[in-house]
Amino acid sequence: MRPTMAKIGDAGPEAVVPLSKAKDFGFGGGNGNLHIGQITIHGDISSKEDAQELGRAIIRQARLQGLTA
């Protein structure tokens, strides 16, 4: 893979970190909070199975809240 130059800007401090190094900086791997409408999910997604189960839970909750058909 070849290096790519990019211009990135925001109003506050920021960093550009390769995804392969994200865990070294304390983020990546699915840790954190996810907010979808009234749904808040907090946790660690460390496997494909975890991600699939989370997806199913999101769909269930979205349906209960009338957010999907």
N, C-alpha and C. Protein backbone atom coordinates (compact mmCIF):
# COMPACT_ATOMS: atom_id res chain seq x y z
N MET A 1 0.84 -1.17 0.00
CA MET A 1 0.00 0.00 0.00
C MET A 1 0.89 1.24 0.00
N ARG A 2 0.50 2.22 -0.78
CA ARG A 2 1.29 3.45 -0.87
C ARG A 2 0.76 4.51 0.08
N PRO A 3 1.65 5.32 0.62
CA PRO A 3 1.20 6.42 1.47
C PRO A 3 0.32 7.39 0.68
N THR A 4 -0.64 8.00 1.35
CA THR A 4 -1.54 8.95 0.72
C THR A 4 -1.53 10.24 1.53
N MET A 5 -1.40 11.36 0.83
CA MET A 5 -1.44 12.65 1.50
C MET A 5 -2.89 13.11 1.59
N ALA A 6 -3.28 13.65 2.73
CA ALA A 6 -4.65 14.12 2.92
C ALA A 6 -4.65 15.41 3.71
N LYS A 7 -5.63 16.26 3.45
CA LYS A 7 -5.85 17.47 4.24
C LYS A 7 -7.02 17.18 5.16
N ILE A 8 -6.81 17.36 6.45
CA ILE A 8 -7.86 17.09 7.43
C ILE A 8 -7.91 18.26 8.39
N GLY A 9 -9.12 18.74 8.65
CA GLY A 9 -9.25 19.87 9.56
C GLY A 9 -10.52 19.82 10.37
N ASP A 10 -10.46 20.39 11.55
CA ASP A 10 -11.62 20.44 12.43
C ASP A 10 -11.44 21.64 13.35
N ALA A 11 -12.45 21.96 14.11
CA ALA A 11 -12.37 23.11 15.00
C ALA A 11 -11.50 22.85 16.22
N GLY A 12 -11.28 21.59 16.56
CA GLY A 12 -10.52 21.27 17.77
C GLY A 12 -9.35 20.36 17.47
N PRO A 13 -8.67 19.89 18.52
CA PRO A 13 -7.54 18.99 18.35
C PRO A 13 -7.98 17.69 17.68
N GLU A 14 -7.11 17.11 16.91
CA GLU A 14 -7.42 15.86 16.22
C GLU A 14 -6.16 15.06 15.97
N ALA A 15 -6.35 13.84 15.55
CA ALA A 15 -5.22 12.96 15.21
C ALA A 15 -5.64 12.05 14.08
N VAL A 16 -4.69 11.69 13.25
CA VAL A 16 -4.91 10.69 12.22
C VAL A 16 -4.05 9.49 12.59
N VAL A 17 -4.69 8.36 12.81
CA VAL A 17 -4.00 7.16 13.28
C VAL A 17 -4.37 6.00 12.38
N PRO A 18 -3.39 5.23 11.91
CA PRO A 18 -3.73 4.03 11.13
C PRO A 18 -4.61 3.10 11.96
N LEU A 19 -5.61 2.49 11.33
CA LEU A 19 -6.51 1.60 12.06
C LEU A 19 -5.77 0.46 12.73
N SER A 20 -4.67 0.03 12.13
CA SER A 20 -3.89 -1.06 12.73
C SER A 20 -3.25 -0.65 14.05
N LYS A 21 -3.14 0.64 14.31
CA LYS A 21 -2.54 1.15 15.55
C LYS A 21 -3.57 1.72 16.52
N ALA A 22 -4.85 1.68 16.16
CA ALA A 22 -5.88 2.33 16.96
C ALA A 22 -5.90 1.84 18.40
N LYS A 23 -5.76 0.53 18.62
CA LYS A 23 -5.80 0.01 19.99
C LYS A 23 -4.63 0.52 20.82
N ASP A 24 -3.50 0.81 20.18
CA ASP A 24 -2.36 1.37 20.90
C ASP A 24 -2.69 2.73 21.52
N PHE A 25 -3.68 3.41 20.94
CA PHE A 25 -4.07 4.74 21.41
C PHE A 25 -5.35 4.69 22.24
N GLY A 26 -5.82 3.49 22.56
CA GLY A 26 -6.98 3.35 23.42
C GLY A 26 -8.32 3.43 22.73
N PHE A 27 -8.34 3.32 21.41
CA PHE A 27 -9.62 3.27 20.71
C PHE A 27 -9.52 2.27 19.57
N GLY A 28 -10.65 2.01 18.95
CA GLY A 28 -10.69 0.98 17.91
C GLY A 28 -11.19 -0.32 18.49
N GLY A 29 -11.43 -1.28 17.64
CA GLY A 29 -11.91 -2.57 18.10
C GLY A 29 -13.34 -2.56 18.60
N GLY A 30 -14.04 -1.47 18.34
CA GLY A 30 -15.45 -1.43 18.71
C GLY A 30 -15.74 -0.99 20.13
N ASN A 31 -14.76 -0.53 20.87
CA ASN A 31 -15.02 -0.05 22.23
C ASN A 31 -15.75 1.28 22.17
N GLY A 32 -16.62 1.51 23.14
CA GLY A 32 -17.23 2.81 23.23
C GLY A 32 -18.74 2.78 23.28
N ASN A 33 -19.32 3.93 23.00
CA ASN A 33 -20.77 4.09 23.02
C ASN A 33 -21.28 4.30 21.61
N LEU A 34 -22.45 3.74 21.35
CA LEU A 34 -23.12 3.92 20.07
C LEU A 34 -24.53 4.40 20.38
N HIS A 35 -24.94 5.53 19.80
CA HIS A 35 -26.28 6.08 20.03
C HIS A 35 -27.05 6.04 18.71
N ILE A 36 -28.20 5.38 18.74
CA ILE A 36 -29.09 5.33 17.58
C ILE A 36 -30.48 5.70 18.09
N GLY A 37 -30.92 6.90 17.78
CA GLY A 37 -32.21 7.35 18.30
C GLY A 37 -32.20 7.27 19.82
N GLN A 38 -33.14 6.53 20.38
CA GLN A 38 -33.25 6.37 21.82
C GLN A 38 -32.41 5.20 22.34
N ILE A 39 -31.70 4.52 21.44
CA ILE A 39 -30.93 3.33 21.82
C ILE A 39 -29.50 3.74 22.13
N THR A 40 -28.98 3.34 23.29
CA THR A 40 -27.59 3.56 23.64
C THR A 40 -26.94 2.22 23.91
N ILE A 41 -25.80 1.99 23.26
CA ILE A 41 -25.07 0.73 23.42
C ILE A 41 -23.67 1.06 23.91
N HIS A 42 -23.27 0.42 24.98
CA HIS A 42 -21.92 0.62 25.52
C HIS A 42 -21.28 -0.75 25.64
N GLY A 43 -20.08 -0.89 25.11
CA GLY A 43 -19.43 -2.19 25.26
C GLY A 43 -18.23 -2.37 24.38
N ASP A 44 -17.79 -3.62 24.34
CA ASP A 44 -16.59 -4.01 23.60
C ASP A 44 -16.98 -5.05 22.57
N ILE A 45 -16.74 -4.76 21.31
CA ILE A 45 -17.01 -5.71 20.23
C ILE A 45 -15.66 -6.26 19.80
N SER A 46 -15.42 -7.54 20.12
CA SER A 46 -14.10 -8.10 19.84
C SER A 46 -14.13 -9.26 18.87
N SER A 47 -15.32 -9.61 18.36
CA SER A 47 -15.38 -10.72 17.41
C SER A 47 -16.54 -10.50 16.45
N LYS A 48 -16.51 -11.24 15.36
CA LYS A 48 -17.58 -11.17 14.39
C LYS A 48 -18.91 -11.59 15.03
N GLU A 49 -18.86 -12.59 15.89
CA GLU A 49 -20.07 -13.06 16.56
C GLU A 49 -20.65 -11.97 17.46
N ASP A 50 -19.78 -11.26 18.18
CA ASP A 50 -20.24 -10.14 19.02
C ASP A 50 -20.93 -9.09 18.15
N ALA A 51 -20.31 -8.76 17.02
CA ALA A 51 -20.86 -7.75 16.13
C ALA A 51 -22.22 -8.18 15.58
N GLN A 52 -22.34 -9.46 15.21
CA GLN A 52 -23.61 -9.96 14.69
C GLN A 52 -24.70 -9.92 15.76
N GLU A 53 -24.37 -10.31 16.97
CA GLU A 53 -25.35 -10.27 18.06
C GLU A 53 -25.76 -8.83 18.36
N LEU A 54 -24.81 -7.91 18.34
CA LEU A 54 -25.13 -6.50 18.55
C LEU A 54 -26.07 -6.01 17.46
N GLY A 55 -25.80 -6.39 16.21
CA GLY A 55 -26.67 -6.00 15.11
C GLY A 55 -28.09 -6.49 15.31
N ARG A 56 -28.24 -7.74 15.73
CA ARG A 56 -29.57 -8.29 16.00
C ARG A 56 -30.27 -7.52 17.13
N ALA A 57 -29.51 -7.19 18.17
CA ALA A 57 -30.09 -6.44 19.29
C ALA A 57 -30.53 -5.04 18.86
N ILE A 58 -29.74 -4.40 18.02
CA ILE A 58 -30.10 -3.07 17.52
C ILE A 58 -31.40 -3.15 16.73
N ILE A 59 -31.51 -4.14 15.86
CA ILE A 59 -32.72 -4.29 15.05
C ILE A 59 -33.94 -4.54 15.94
N ARG A 60 -33.78 -5.42 16.94
CA ARG A 60 -34.90 -5.69 17.86
C ARG A 60 -35.36 -4.42 18.55
N GLN A 61 -34.41 -3.67 19.10
CA GLN A 61 -34.76 -2.45 19.83
C GLN A 61 -35.34 -1.39 18.90
N ALA A 62 -34.79 -1.26 17.71
CA ALA A 62 -35.32 -0.29 16.75
C ALA A 62 -36.76 -0.62 16.40
N ARG A 63 -37.06 -1.89 16.21
CA ARG A 63 -38.45 -2.30 15.91
C ARG A 63 -39.37 -2.00 17.09
N LEU A 64 -38.91 -2.28 18.30
CA LEU A 64 -39.72 -2.00 19.49
C LEU A 64 -40.04 -0.52 19.62
N GLN A 65 -39.12 0.32 19.16
CA GLN A 65 -39.30 1.77 19.27
C GLN A 65 -39.94 2.37 18.02
N GLY A 66 -40.32 1.50 17.07
CA GLY A 66 -40.98 1.98 15.85
C GLY A 66 -40.05 2.68 14.89
N LEU A 67 -38.75 2.39 14.96
CA LEU A 67 -37.79 3.06 14.09
C LEU A 67 -37.59 2.34 12.77
N THR A 68 -38.10 1.11 12.64
CA THR A 68 -37.99 0.37 11.38
C THR A 68 -39.34 -0.25 11.04
N ALA A 69 -39.48 -0.64 9.79
CA ALA A 69 -40.73 -1.27 9.34
C ALA A 69 -40.77 -2.72 9.73
